[in-house]
Amino acid sequence: MRVVTISATYGTAGSVIGPAVAGRLGVPFVDRAIPSAVADELGCTLEEALAHDDRAEHGLGRLLAEAMRLPTVSFGGVDMYLPGNMPLPAEDFVAHTERVIRQTARGQGGVILGRAGALVLADHPGALHVRLDAPAGRRVIQTATLTGVTERQARRIVEDNDRARAAYVRHFYRADPASPLHYHLVLDSTSIPIDTCVELIVTASTALS
């Protein structure tokens, strides 16, 4: 089955492009199903699982708040923010998240948004790894336009989300999520129309499978 991982910075329409790609490929869009499955496996509540999840706003805020109370550690020339104590061991959540992602890839396939999918499935045959990114300024404008917040508020949202999601990948995978070496395809979805991005991803996935 076809497998696509999408790493999307905030404001690049990953939550719009992901489902559209899944629909075109005839596979599930795997997003909120991941923390739900992890919660079942760990025997915890969905709220506890979301507190660790890199796609959940509550989880991002918690991770960022913990990171800000700790000193910055240099890793390969980039800042790495280490998460502190959480209701569940963070490593347990990440391990179960990886298991759910791999089971999905081996089973019915799917489009997986976030959660370091490109790194978890780096060796999965036929998996396409995509990065959606753009200059922060354009992502700020797009966020303000779509949400109705001021540009100042949008900038804070973009910066906080970028920092927290990068922290997840840097801490648990010792990698820079922005590096193009992790992906087959890097797209600026603030400049390239969303429909075109979907078409490019579908075409690339079909070529790999």
N, C-alpha and C. Protein backbone atom coordinates (compact mmCIF):
# COMPACT_ATOMS: atom_id res chain seq x y z
N MET A 1 0.83 -1.19 0.00
CA MET A 1 0.00 0.00 0.00
C MET A 1 0.87 1.25 0.00
N ARG A 2 0.34 2.33 -0.52
CA ARG A 2 1.10 3.56 -0.61
C ARG A 2 1.22 4.24 0.74
N VAL A 3 2.41 4.74 1.01
CA VAL A 3 2.69 5.42 2.27
C VAL A 3 3.35 6.76 1.95
N VAL A 4 2.81 7.81 2.54
CA VAL A 4 3.36 9.16 2.40
C VAL A 4 3.49 9.77 3.79
N THR A 5 4.66 10.28 4.11
CA THR A 5 4.82 11.04 5.34
C THR A 5 4.93 12.52 4.97
N ILE A 6 4.30 13.35 5.76
CA ILE A 6 4.34 14.79 5.51
C ILE A 6 4.81 15.50 6.77
N SER A 7 5.91 16.21 6.65
CA SER A 7 6.40 17.10 7.71
C SER A 7 6.02 18.51 7.29
N ALA A 8 5.22 19.18 8.11
CA ALA A 8 4.70 20.49 7.71
C ALA A 8 4.94 21.52 8.80
N THR A 9 5.62 22.59 8.46
CA THR A 9 5.74 23.69 9.40
C THR A 9 4.38 24.40 9.49
N TYR A 10 4.20 25.13 10.60
CA TYR A 10 2.90 25.78 10.82
C TYR A 10 2.63 26.82 9.74
N GLY A 11 1.41 26.79 9.19
CA GLY A 11 1.04 27.76 8.18
C GLY A 11 1.28 27.29 6.76
N THR A 12 1.58 25.99 6.58
CA THR A 12 1.81 25.47 5.22
C THR A 12 0.69 24.54 4.76
N ALA A 13 -0.42 24.52 5.48
CA ALA A 13 -1.62 23.79 5.07
C ALA A 13 -1.44 22.28 5.05
N GLY A 14 -0.62 21.76 5.95
CA GLY A 14 -0.44 20.31 6.01
C GLY A 14 -1.72 19.57 6.31
N SER A 15 -2.58 20.17 7.15
CA SER A 15 -3.84 19.51 7.51
C SER A 15 -4.87 19.56 6.40
N VAL A 16 -4.60 20.35 5.36
CA VAL A 16 -5.45 20.39 4.17
C VAL A 16 -4.88 19.49 3.08
N ILE A 17 -3.58 19.60 2.86
CA ILE A 17 -2.93 18.83 1.81
C ILE A 17 -2.93 17.34 2.14
N GLY A 18 -2.67 16.99 3.41
CA GLY A 18 -2.62 15.58 3.80
C GLY A 18 -3.88 14.81 3.46
N PRO A 19 -5.05 15.25 3.93
CA PRO A 19 -6.28 14.53 3.59
C PRO A 19 -6.56 14.47 2.09
N ALA A 20 -6.22 15.55 1.38
CA ALA A 20 -6.45 15.56 -0.07
C ALA A 20 -5.60 14.52 -0.77
N VAL A 21 -4.34 14.39 -0.35
CA VAL A 21 -3.45 13.37 -0.93
C VAL A 21 -3.99 11.98 -0.61
N ALA A 22 -4.40 11.77 0.64
CA ALA A 22 -4.93 10.47 1.04
C ALA A 22 -6.14 10.09 0.20
N GLY A 23 -7.02 11.07 -0.02
CA GLY A 23 -8.20 10.80 -0.83
C GLY A 23 -7.85 10.40 -2.25
N ARG A 24 -6.87 11.07 -2.82
CA ARG A 24 -6.45 10.76 -4.19
C ARG A 24 -5.80 9.38 -4.27
N LEU A 25 -5.06 9.00 -3.23
CA LEU A 25 -4.36 7.71 -3.24
C LEU A 25 -5.23 6.56 -2.75
N GLY A 26 -6.36 6.89 -2.16
CA GLY A 26 -7.25 5.85 -1.66
C GLY A 26 -6.74 5.18 -0.40
N VAL A 27 -6.05 5.93 0.45
CA VAL A 27 -5.54 5.40 1.71
C VAL A 27 -5.99 6.31 2.84
N PRO A 28 -5.93 5.87 4.09
CA PRO A 28 -6.37 6.71 5.21
C PRO A 28 -5.43 7.89 5.44
N PHE A 29 -6.02 8.98 5.94
CA PHE A 29 -5.22 10.09 6.45
C PHE A 29 -5.04 9.83 7.94
N VAL A 30 -3.80 9.62 8.36
CA VAL A 30 -3.52 9.20 9.73
C VAL A 30 -3.00 10.39 10.52
N ASP A 31 -3.84 10.92 11.39
CA ASP A 31 -3.45 12.06 12.20
C ASP A 31 -3.94 11.84 13.63
N ARG A 32 -5.18 12.21 13.93
CA ARG A 32 -5.69 12.06 15.28
C ARG A 32 -5.81 10.58 15.69
N ALA A 33 -5.84 9.67 14.72
CA ALA A 33 -5.93 8.25 15.05
C ALA A 33 -4.68 7.77 15.78
N ILE A 34 -3.56 8.44 15.59
CA ILE A 34 -2.31 7.99 16.22
C ILE A 34 -2.35 8.15 17.74
N PRO A 35 -2.60 9.35 18.28
CA PRO A 35 -2.65 9.43 19.74
C PRO A 35 -3.77 8.60 20.36
N SER A 36 -4.87 8.41 19.63
CA SER A 36 -5.95 7.57 20.14
C SER A 36 -5.50 6.12 20.28
N ALA A 37 -4.79 5.62 19.25
CA ALA A 37 -4.28 4.25 19.30
C ALA A 37 -3.23 4.10 20.38
N VAL A 38 -2.38 5.10 20.53
CA VAL A 38 -1.35 5.06 21.57
C VAL A 38 -1.98 5.05 22.96
N ALA A 39 -3.02 5.84 23.14
CA ALA A 39 -3.71 5.87 24.43
C ALA A 39 -4.28 4.50 24.76
N ASP A 40 -4.84 3.82 23.76
CA ASP A 40 -5.38 2.47 23.98
C ASP A 40 -4.27 1.51 24.40
N GLU A 41 -3.13 1.59 23.71
CA GLU A 41 -2.03 0.67 24.00
C GLU A 41 -1.44 0.92 25.38
N LEU A 42 -1.33 2.19 25.77
CA LEU A 42 -0.72 2.54 27.05
C LEU A 42 -1.70 2.48 28.21
N GLY A 43 -2.99 2.39 27.88
CA GLY A 43 -3.99 2.38 28.93
C GLY A 43 -4.14 3.71 29.62
N CYS A 44 -3.92 4.80 28.89
CA CYS A 44 -4.06 6.14 29.45
C CYS A 44 -5.20 6.85 28.73
N THR A 45 -5.53 8.06 29.18
CA THR A 45 -6.58 8.82 28.52
C THR A 45 -6.05 9.47 27.24
N LEU A 46 -6.96 9.83 26.36
CA LEU A 46 -6.56 10.51 25.13
C LEU A 46 -5.92 11.85 25.48
N GLU A 47 -6.42 12.52 26.51
CA GLU A 47 -5.85 13.80 26.91
C GLU A 47 -4.39 13.65 27.33
N GLU A 48 -4.07 12.56 28.06
CA GLU A 48 -2.69 12.32 28.46
C GLU A 48 -1.81 12.06 27.24
N ALA A 49 -2.34 11.30 26.27
CA ALA A 49 -1.57 11.03 25.06
C ALA A 49 -1.34 12.30 24.26
N LEU A 50 -2.36 13.14 24.18
CA LEU A 50 -2.23 14.38 23.42
C LEU A 50 -1.23 15.34 24.07
N ALA A 51 -1.02 15.20 25.36
CA ALA A 51 -0.05 16.06 26.04
C ALA A 51 1.36 15.82 25.54
N HIS A 52 1.58 14.67 24.89
CA HIS A 52 2.91 14.32 24.37
C HIS A 52 3.00 14.45 22.85
N ASP A 53 1.86 14.64 22.21
CA ASP A 53 1.82 14.52 20.75
C ASP A 53 2.28 15.79 20.06
N ASP A 54 3.10 15.65 19.04
CA ASP A 54 3.67 16.85 18.41
C ASP A 54 2.67 17.57 17.51
N ARG A 55 1.52 16.97 17.23
CA ARG A 55 0.51 17.64 16.41
C ARG A 55 -0.60 18.27 17.25
N ALA A 56 -0.62 18.00 18.55
CA ALA A 56 -1.67 18.54 19.41
C ALA A 56 -1.25 19.89 19.98
N GLU A 57 -2.14 20.86 19.91
CA GLU A 57 -1.79 22.19 20.41
C GLU A 57 -1.44 22.14 21.90
N HIS A 58 -2.20 21.36 22.67
CA HIS A 58 -1.91 21.25 24.10
C HIS A 58 -0.53 20.64 24.31
N GLY A 59 -0.23 19.61 23.51
CA GLY A 59 1.08 18.97 23.64
C GLY A 59 2.21 19.90 23.28
N LEU A 60 2.01 20.68 22.23
CA LEU A 60 3.04 21.63 21.82
C LEU A 60 3.27 22.67 22.91
N GLY A 61 2.20 23.18 23.48
CA GLY A 61 2.34 24.17 24.53
C GLY A 61 3.05 23.61 25.74
N ARG A 62 2.73 22.39 26.10
CA ARG A 62 3.36 21.76 27.26
C ARG A 62 4.85 21.56 26.99
N LEU A 63 5.16 21.06 25.81
CA LEU A 63 6.55 20.82 25.46
C LEU A 63 7.34 22.12 25.46
N LEU A 64 6.75 23.16 24.89
CA LEU A 64 7.43 24.44 24.83
C LEU A 64 7.63 25.03 26.23
N ALA A 65 6.60 24.94 27.06
CA ALA A 65 6.70 25.48 28.42
C ALA A 65 7.80 24.78 29.20
N GLU A 66 7.90 23.46 29.07
CA GLU A 66 8.94 22.71 29.75
C GLU A 66 10.31 23.09 29.18
N ALA A 67 10.38 23.25 27.87
CA ALA A 67 11.65 23.56 27.23
C ALA A 67 12.20 24.90 27.70
N MET A 68 11.33 25.85 27.88
CA MET A 68 11.77 27.20 28.24
C MET A 68 12.37 27.27 29.64
N ARG A 69 12.09 26.26 30.48
CA ARG A 69 12.61 26.27 31.84
C ARG A 69 13.97 25.58 31.93
N LEU A 70 14.46 25.08 30.81
CA LEU A 70 15.73 24.36 30.79
C LEU A 70 16.75 25.10 29.94
N PRO A 71 18.03 24.91 30.21
CA PRO A 71 19.05 25.56 29.40
C PRO A 71 19.06 25.01 27.98
N THR A 72 19.45 25.85 27.06
CA THR A 72 19.56 25.44 25.66
C THR A 72 20.83 24.62 25.46
N VAL A 73 20.71 23.53 24.72
CA VAL A 73 21.85 22.67 24.44
C VAL A 73 22.13 22.72 22.95
N SER A 74 23.38 22.92 22.60
CA SER A 74 23.73 22.97 21.18
C SER A 74 23.88 21.56 20.63
N PHE A 75 23.24 21.31 19.49
CA PHE A 75 23.35 20.00 18.84
C PHE A 75 23.52 20.23 17.35
N GLY A 76 24.73 19.98 16.88
CA GLY A 76 24.98 20.12 15.45
C GLY A 76 24.73 21.52 14.92
N GLY A 77 24.96 22.53 15.76
CA GLY A 77 24.79 23.89 15.29
C GLY A 77 23.37 24.43 15.41
N VAL A 78 22.44 23.61 15.94
CA VAL A 78 21.08 24.09 16.12
C VAL A 78 20.71 23.98 17.59
N ASP A 79 19.73 24.77 18.01
CA ASP A 79 19.29 24.71 19.40
C ASP A 79 18.39 23.50 19.60
N MET A 80 18.62 22.79 20.71
CA MET A 80 17.78 21.66 21.05
C MET A 80 17.16 21.92 22.41
N TYR A 81 15.85 21.89 22.47
CA TYR A 81 15.17 22.16 23.72
C TYR A 81 14.67 20.85 24.30
N LEU A 82 15.10 20.53 25.49
CA LEU A 82 14.79 19.24 26.08
C LEU A 82 13.51 19.29 26.90
N PRO A 83 12.55 18.40 26.64
CA PRO A 83 11.31 18.41 27.42
C PRO A 83 11.54 17.90 28.83
N GLY A 84 10.81 18.45 29.76
CA GLY A 84 10.95 18.02 31.15
C GLY A 84 9.95 16.95 31.51
N ASN A 85 9.58 16.89 32.80
CA ASN A 85 8.68 15.85 33.28
C ASN A 85 7.28 16.03 32.70
N MET A 86 6.65 14.90 32.38
CA MET A 86 5.30 14.93 31.85
C MET A 86 4.51 13.82 32.55
N PRO A 87 3.16 13.81 32.44
CA PRO A 87 2.36 12.83 33.15
C PRO A 87 2.75 11.38 32.84
N LEU A 88 3.18 11.11 31.61
CA LEU A 88 3.65 9.79 31.21
C LEU A 88 5.09 9.91 30.74
N PRO A 89 5.88 8.84 30.86
CA PRO A 89 7.24 8.92 30.30
C PRO A 89 7.17 9.23 28.80
N ALA A 90 7.80 10.31 28.39
CA ALA A 90 7.73 10.72 26.99
C ALA A 90 8.27 9.64 26.07
N GLU A 91 9.30 8.92 26.51
CA GLU A 91 9.89 7.88 25.67
C GLU A 91 8.87 6.78 25.37
N ASP A 92 8.00 6.47 26.36
CA ASP A 92 6.97 5.45 26.14
C ASP A 92 6.00 5.90 25.05
N PHE A 93 5.61 7.16 25.12
CA PHE A 93 4.69 7.67 24.11
C PHE A 93 5.32 7.60 22.73
N VAL A 94 6.56 8.03 22.62
CA VAL A 94 7.23 8.05 21.32
C VAL A 94 7.39 6.63 20.77
N ALA A 95 7.77 5.69 21.63
CA ALA A 95 7.95 4.30 21.19
C ALA A 95 6.63 3.73 20.66
N HIS A 96 5.53 4.00 21.36
CA HIS A 96 4.24 3.49 20.90
C HIS A 96 3.77 4.22 19.65
N THR A 97 4.09 5.50 19.55
CA THR A 97 3.75 6.24 18.33
C THR A 97 4.47 5.63 17.13
N GLU A 98 5.74 5.32 17.29
CA GLU A 98 6.49 4.68 16.21
C GLU A 98 5.86 3.35 15.82
N ARG A 99 5.43 2.60 16.81
CA ARG A 99 4.82 1.30 16.54
C ARG A 99 3.54 1.45 15.72
N VAL A 100 2.71 2.42 16.10
CA VAL A 100 1.47 2.66 15.36
C VAL A 100 1.78 3.08 13.92
N ILE A 101 2.77 3.95 13.74
CA ILE A 101 3.14 4.40 12.40
C ILE A 101 3.61 3.22 11.56
N ARG A 102 4.45 2.38 12.12
CA ARG A 102 4.97 1.23 11.35
C ARG A 102 3.86 0.23 11.03
N GLN A 103 2.96 0.00 11.97
CA GLN A 103 1.84 -0.89 11.72
C GLN A 103 0.96 -0.35 10.59
N THR A 104 0.73 0.95 10.59
CA THR A 104 -0.05 1.57 9.54
C THR A 104 0.62 1.39 8.18
N ALA A 105 1.93 1.62 8.14
CA ALA A 105 2.67 1.50 6.88
C ALA A 105 2.66 0.07 6.36
N ARG A 106 2.80 -0.89 7.27
CA ARG A 106 2.81 -2.30 6.84
C ARG A 106 1.43 -2.82 6.50
N GLY A 107 0.41 -2.16 7.03
CA GLY A 107 -0.95 -2.64 6.81
C GLY A 107 -1.60 -2.01 5.60
N GLN A 108 -2.55 -1.10 5.85
CA GLN A 108 -3.32 -0.51 4.76
C GLN A 108 -2.66 0.71 4.13
N GLY A 109 -1.50 1.10 4.66
CA GLY A 109 -0.86 2.30 4.14
C GLY A 109 -1.55 3.54 4.64
N GLY A 110 -1.08 4.69 4.23
CA GLY A 110 -1.72 5.93 4.66
C GLY A 110 -0.83 7.14 4.45
N VAL A 111 -1.42 8.30 4.68
CA VAL A 111 -0.71 9.57 4.67
C VAL A 111 -0.55 9.99 6.13
N ILE A 112 0.68 10.07 6.59
CA ILE A 112 0.98 10.32 7.99
C ILE A 112 1.52 11.73 8.15
N LEU A 113 0.84 12.53 8.97
CA LEU A 113 1.23 13.93 9.15
C LEU A 113 2.02 14.08 10.45
N GLY A 114 3.24 14.64 10.34
CA GLY A 114 4.04 14.94 11.52
C GLY A 114 4.61 13.72 12.20
N ARG A 115 4.98 13.90 13.49
CA ARG A 115 5.47 12.82 14.35
C ARG A 115 6.75 12.17 13.81
N ALA A 116 7.57 12.94 13.12
CA ALA A 116 8.84 12.46 12.59
C ALA A 116 8.67 11.24 11.70
N GLY A 117 7.57 11.20 10.96
CA GLY A 117 7.28 10.03 10.12
C GLY A 117 8.37 9.69 9.13
N ALA A 118 9.02 10.71 8.56
CA ALA A 118 10.08 10.45 7.59
C ALA A 118 11.26 9.73 8.22
N LEU A 119 11.52 9.99 9.49
CA LEU A 119 12.62 9.33 10.19
C LEU A 119 12.21 7.94 10.66
N VAL A 120 10.99 7.81 11.15
CA VAL A 120 10.50 6.51 11.60
C VAL A 120 10.44 5.53 10.44
N LEU A 121 10.02 6.00 9.28
CA LEU A 121 9.84 5.13 8.11
C LEU A 121 10.92 5.36 7.05
N ALA A 122 12.08 5.79 7.48
CA ALA A 122 13.16 6.09 6.52
C ALA A 122 13.51 4.91 5.64
N ASP A 123 13.40 3.70 6.17
CA ASP A 123 13.77 2.50 5.40
C ASP A 123 12.56 1.74 4.87
N HIS A 124 11.37 2.32 4.98
CA HIS A 124 10.18 1.60 4.51
C HIS A 124 10.13 1.63 2.98
N PRO A 125 10.05 0.48 2.33
CA PRO A 125 10.07 0.44 0.85
C PRO A 125 8.89 1.22 0.24
N GLY A 126 9.20 2.08 -0.69
CA GLY A 126 8.16 2.79 -1.43
C GLY A 126 7.53 3.97 -0.72
N ALA A 127 7.95 4.25 0.52
CA ALA A 127 7.37 5.39 1.23
C ALA A 127 7.92 6.69 0.66
N LEU A 128 7.03 7.66 0.45
CA LEU A 128 7.42 8.98 -0.03
C LEU A 128 7.44 9.93 1.16
N HIS A 129 8.53 10.67 1.29
CA HIS A 129 8.68 11.60 2.41
C HIS A 129 8.67 13.03 1.87
N VAL A 130 7.74 13.83 2.40
CA VAL A 130 7.50 15.18 1.89
C VAL A 130 7.67 16.20 3.01
N ARG A 131 8.26 17.33 2.69
CA ARG A 131 8.38 18.45 3.61
C ARG A 131 7.65 19.65 3.02
N LEU A 132 6.71 20.22 3.78
CA LEU A 132 6.05 21.46 3.42
C LEU A 132 6.66 22.57 4.25
N ASP A 133 7.21 23.56 3.59
CA ASP A 133 7.89 24.63 4.32
C ASP A 133 7.82 25.90 3.49
N ALA A 134 8.12 27.01 4.13
CA ALA A 134 8.11 28.31 3.45
C ALA A 134 8.73 29.32 4.39
N PRO A 135 9.16 30.46 3.86
CA PRO A 135 9.67 31.53 4.72
C PRO A 135 8.65 31.89 5.79
N ALA A 136 9.13 32.18 7.00
CA ALA A 136 8.23 32.45 8.11
C ALA A 136 7.26 33.59 7.82
N GLY A 137 7.74 34.62 7.13
CA GLY A 137 6.88 35.76 6.84
C GLY A 137 5.63 35.38 6.07
N ARG A 138 5.79 34.54 5.06
CA ARG A 138 4.63 34.12 4.27
C ARG A 138 3.71 33.21 5.08
N ARG A 139 4.29 32.39 5.96
CA ARG A 139 3.46 31.52 6.80
C ARG A 139 2.69 32.34 7.83
N VAL A 140 3.30 33.41 8.30
CA VAL A 140 2.61 34.30 9.24
C VAL A 140 1.41 34.95 8.57
N ILE A 141 1.60 35.45 7.36
CA ILE A 141 0.50 36.09 6.63
C ILE A 141 -0.62 35.09 6.36
N GLN A 142 -0.26 33.88 5.96
CA GLN A 142 -1.27 32.86 5.66
C GLN A 142 -2.03 32.48 6.93
N THR A 143 -1.31 32.37 8.06
CA THR A 143 -1.96 32.04 9.33
C THR A 143 -2.92 33.13 9.75
N ALA A 144 -2.49 34.39 9.63
CA ALA A 144 -3.36 35.51 10.00
C ALA A 144 -4.60 35.56 9.12
N THR A 145 -4.42 35.29 7.84
CA THR A 145 -5.55 35.32 6.90
C THR A 145 -6.56 34.22 7.20
N LEU A 146 -6.06 33.02 7.48
CA LEU A 146 -6.95 31.87 7.68
C LEU A 146 -7.61 31.85 9.05
N THR A 147 -6.94 32.42 10.06
CA THR A 147 -7.47 32.34 11.43
C THR A 147 -8.11 33.62 11.91
N GLY A 148 -7.81 34.74 11.25
CA GLY A 148 -8.40 36.01 11.66
C GLY A 148 -7.67 36.71 12.79
N VAL A 149 -6.50 36.18 13.19
CA VAL A 149 -5.73 36.84 14.24
C VAL A 149 -4.87 37.93 13.63
N THR A 150 -4.29 38.78 14.46
CA THR A 150 -3.40 39.82 13.96
C THR A 150 -2.09 39.18 13.49
N GLU A 151 -1.32 39.92 12.70
CA GLU A 151 -0.05 39.38 12.24
C GLU A 151 0.91 39.17 13.40
N ARG A 152 0.84 40.03 14.41
CA ARG A 152 1.69 39.85 15.58
C ARG A 152 1.35 38.55 16.30
N GLN A 153 0.06 38.28 16.47
CA GLN A 153 -0.36 37.04 17.11
C GLN A 153 0.02 35.84 16.24
N ALA A 154 -0.14 35.98 14.93
CA ALA A 154 0.18 34.88 14.02
C ALA A 154 1.67 34.56 14.08
N ARG A 155 2.50 35.59 14.18
CA ARG A 155 3.94 35.36 14.26
C ARG A 155 4.29 34.56 15.51
N ARG A 156 3.67 34.90 16.64
CA ARG A 156 3.92 34.16 17.88
C ARG A 156 3.49 32.71 17.73
N ILE A 157 2.34 32.48 17.12
CA ILE A 157 1.84 31.12 16.93
C ILE A 157 2.81 30.32 16.06
N VAL A 158 3.25 30.92 14.96
CA VAL A 158 4.16 30.24 14.04
C VAL A 158 5.48 29.92 14.74
N GLU A 159 6.05 30.90 15.42
CA GLU A 159 7.34 30.70 16.08
C GLU A 159 7.26 29.66 17.19
N ASP A 160 6.20 29.70 17.99
CA ASP A 160 6.05 28.73 19.08
C ASP A 160 5.88 27.31 18.55
N ASN A 161 5.06 27.17 17.50
CA ASN A 161 4.84 25.85 16.93
C ASN A 161 6.10 25.31 16.27
N ASP A 162 6.81 26.16 15.54
CA ASP A 162 8.05 25.73 14.90
C ASP A 162 9.05 25.24 15.95
N ARG A 163 9.19 26.02 17.01
CA ARG A 163 10.17 25.69 18.04
C ARG A 163 9.83 24.37 18.73
N ALA A 164 8.56 24.18 19.07
CA ALA A 164 8.16 22.99 19.80
C ALA A 164 8.24 21.74 18.92
N ARG A 165 7.78 21.83 17.69
CA ARG A 165 7.81 20.65 16.81
C ARG A 165 9.24 20.27 16.46
N ALA A 166 10.09 21.26 16.29
CA ALA A 166 11.50 20.96 16.04
C ALA A 166 12.12 20.30 17.27
N ALA A 167 11.70 20.73 18.46
CA ALA A 167 12.23 20.15 19.70
C ALA A 167 11.92 18.66 19.78
N TYR A 168 10.73 18.28 19.36
CA TYR A 168 10.32 16.87 19.36
C TYR A 168 11.29 16.03 18.55
N VAL A 169 11.58 16.48 17.33
CA VAL A 169 12.46 15.72 16.44
C VAL A 169 13.91 15.76 16.91
N ARG A 170 14.37 16.90 17.36
CA ARG A 170 15.77 17.04 17.78
C ARG A 170 16.04 16.22 19.04
N HIS A 171 15.10 16.22 19.97
CA HIS A 171 15.32 15.50 21.22
C HIS A 171 15.26 13.99 21.02
N PHE A 172 14.21 13.51 20.37
CA PHE A 172 14.00 12.07 20.27
C PHE A 172 14.75 11.41 19.11
N TYR A 173 15.11 12.18 18.07
CA TYR A 173 15.75 11.58 16.90
C TYR A 173 17.11 12.20 16.58
N ARG A 174 17.53 13.18 17.37
CA ARG A 174 18.82 13.82 17.16
C ARG A 174 18.98 14.26 15.70
N ALA A 175 17.94 14.87 15.18
CA ALA A 175 17.94 15.27 13.77
C ALA A 175 17.30 16.65 13.63
N ASP A 176 17.64 17.32 12.55
CA ASP A 176 17.04 18.61 12.22
C ASP A 176 15.89 18.36 11.25
N PRO A 177 14.65 18.61 11.66
CA PRO A 177 13.51 18.31 10.78
C PRO A 177 13.49 19.15 9.51
N ALA A 178 14.24 20.24 9.48
CA ALA A 178 14.26 21.09 8.29
C ALA A 178 15.24 20.62 7.23
N SER A 179 16.08 19.65 7.56
CA SER A 179 17.08 19.19 6.59
C SER A 179 16.41 18.50 5.41
N PRO A 180 16.71 18.93 4.18
CA PRO A 180 16.10 18.30 3.00
C PRO A 180 16.58 16.87 2.77
N LEU A 181 17.63 16.46 3.49
CA LEU A 181 18.15 15.11 3.32
C LEU A 181 17.16 14.04 3.78
N HIS A 182 16.17 14.43 4.58
CA HIS A 182 15.19 13.46 5.08
C HIS A 182 14.03 13.24 4.12
N TYR A 183 13.97 14.02 3.04
CA TYR A 183 12.76 14.03 2.21
C TYR A 183 13.06 13.82 0.73
N HIS A 184 12.08 13.26 0.04
CA HIS A 184 12.17 13.14 -1.42
C HIS A 184 11.71 14.43 -2.09
N LEU A 185 10.82 15.13 -1.43
CA LEU A 185 10.16 16.29 -2.05
C LEU A 185 9.98 17.39 -1.00
N VAL A 186 10.43 18.59 -1.33
CA VAL A 186 10.25 19.76 -0.46
C VAL A 186 9.46 20.80 -1.25
N LEU A 187 8.32 21.23 -0.69
CA LEU A 187 7.43 22.14 -1.41
C LEU A 187 7.12 23.37 -0.58
N ASP A 188 7.05 24.52 -1.24
CA ASP A 188 6.61 25.76 -0.61
C ASP A 188 5.13 25.92 -0.93
N SER A 189 4.28 25.50 -0.01
CA SER A 189 2.84 25.52 -0.26
C SER A 189 2.21 26.88 -0.01
N THR A 190 3.02 27.90 0.30
CA THR A 190 2.50 29.26 0.34
C THR A 190 2.66 29.94 -1.01
N SER A 191 3.50 29.39 -1.86
CA SER A 191 3.71 29.93 -3.20
C SER A 191 3.08 29.04 -4.27
N ILE A 192 3.25 27.73 -4.11
CA ILE A 192 2.64 26.78 -5.04
C ILE A 192 1.21 26.51 -4.58
N PRO A 193 0.22 26.62 -5.46
CA PRO A 193 -1.17 26.38 -5.06
C PRO A 193 -1.35 25.01 -4.41
N ILE A 194 -2.25 24.94 -3.46
CA ILE A 194 -2.46 23.69 -2.72
C ILE A 194 -2.82 22.54 -3.66
N ASP A 195 -3.69 22.78 -4.62
CA ASP A 195 -4.07 21.72 -5.57
C ASP A 195 -2.86 21.20 -6.32
N THR A 196 -1.94 22.09 -6.67
CA THR A 196 -0.73 21.68 -7.38
C THR A 196 0.17 20.87 -6.46
N CYS A 197 0.29 21.27 -5.20
CA CYS A 197 1.08 20.50 -4.23
C CYS A 197 0.53 19.08 -4.10
N VAL A 198 -0.79 18.98 -4.01
CA VAL A 198 -1.43 17.66 -3.92
C VAL A 198 -1.08 16.83 -5.15
N GLU A 199 -1.19 17.42 -6.31
CA GLU A 199 -0.91 16.71 -7.56
C GLU A 199 0.55 16.24 -7.61
N LEU A 200 1.47 17.10 -7.21
CA LEU A 200 2.89 16.72 -7.22
C LEU A 200 3.17 15.57 -6.28
N ILE A 201 2.57 15.60 -5.09
CA ILE A 201 2.80 14.53 -4.11
C ILE A 201 2.21 13.22 -4.61
N VAL A 202 1.01 13.27 -5.15
CA VAL A 202 0.36 12.06 -5.67
C VAL A 202 1.19 11.47 -6.80
N THR A 203 1.67 12.32 -7.71
CA THR A 203 2.48 11.84 -8.83
C THR A 203 3.77 11.21 -8.35
N ALA A 204 4.43 11.84 -7.39
CA ALA A 204 5.68 11.30 -6.85
C ALA A 204 5.45 9.98 -6.13
N SER A 205 4.36 9.88 -5.37
CA SER A 205 4.06 8.64 -4.66
C SER A 205 3.79 7.50 -5.64
N THR A 206 3.07 7.81 -6.69
CA THR A 206 2.77 6.79 -7.71
C THR A 206 4.05 6.32 -8.39
N ALA A 207 4.99 7.24 -8.63
CA ALA A 207 6.24 6.88 -9.28
C ALA A 207 7.10 5.98 -8.41
N LEU A 208 7.02 6.17 -7.08
CA LEU A 208 7.84 5.37 -6.16
C LEU A 208 7.29 3.98 -5.93
N SER A 209 5.96 3.84 -6.04
CA SER A 209 5.33 2.56 -5.68
C SER A 209 5.39 1.57 -6.82
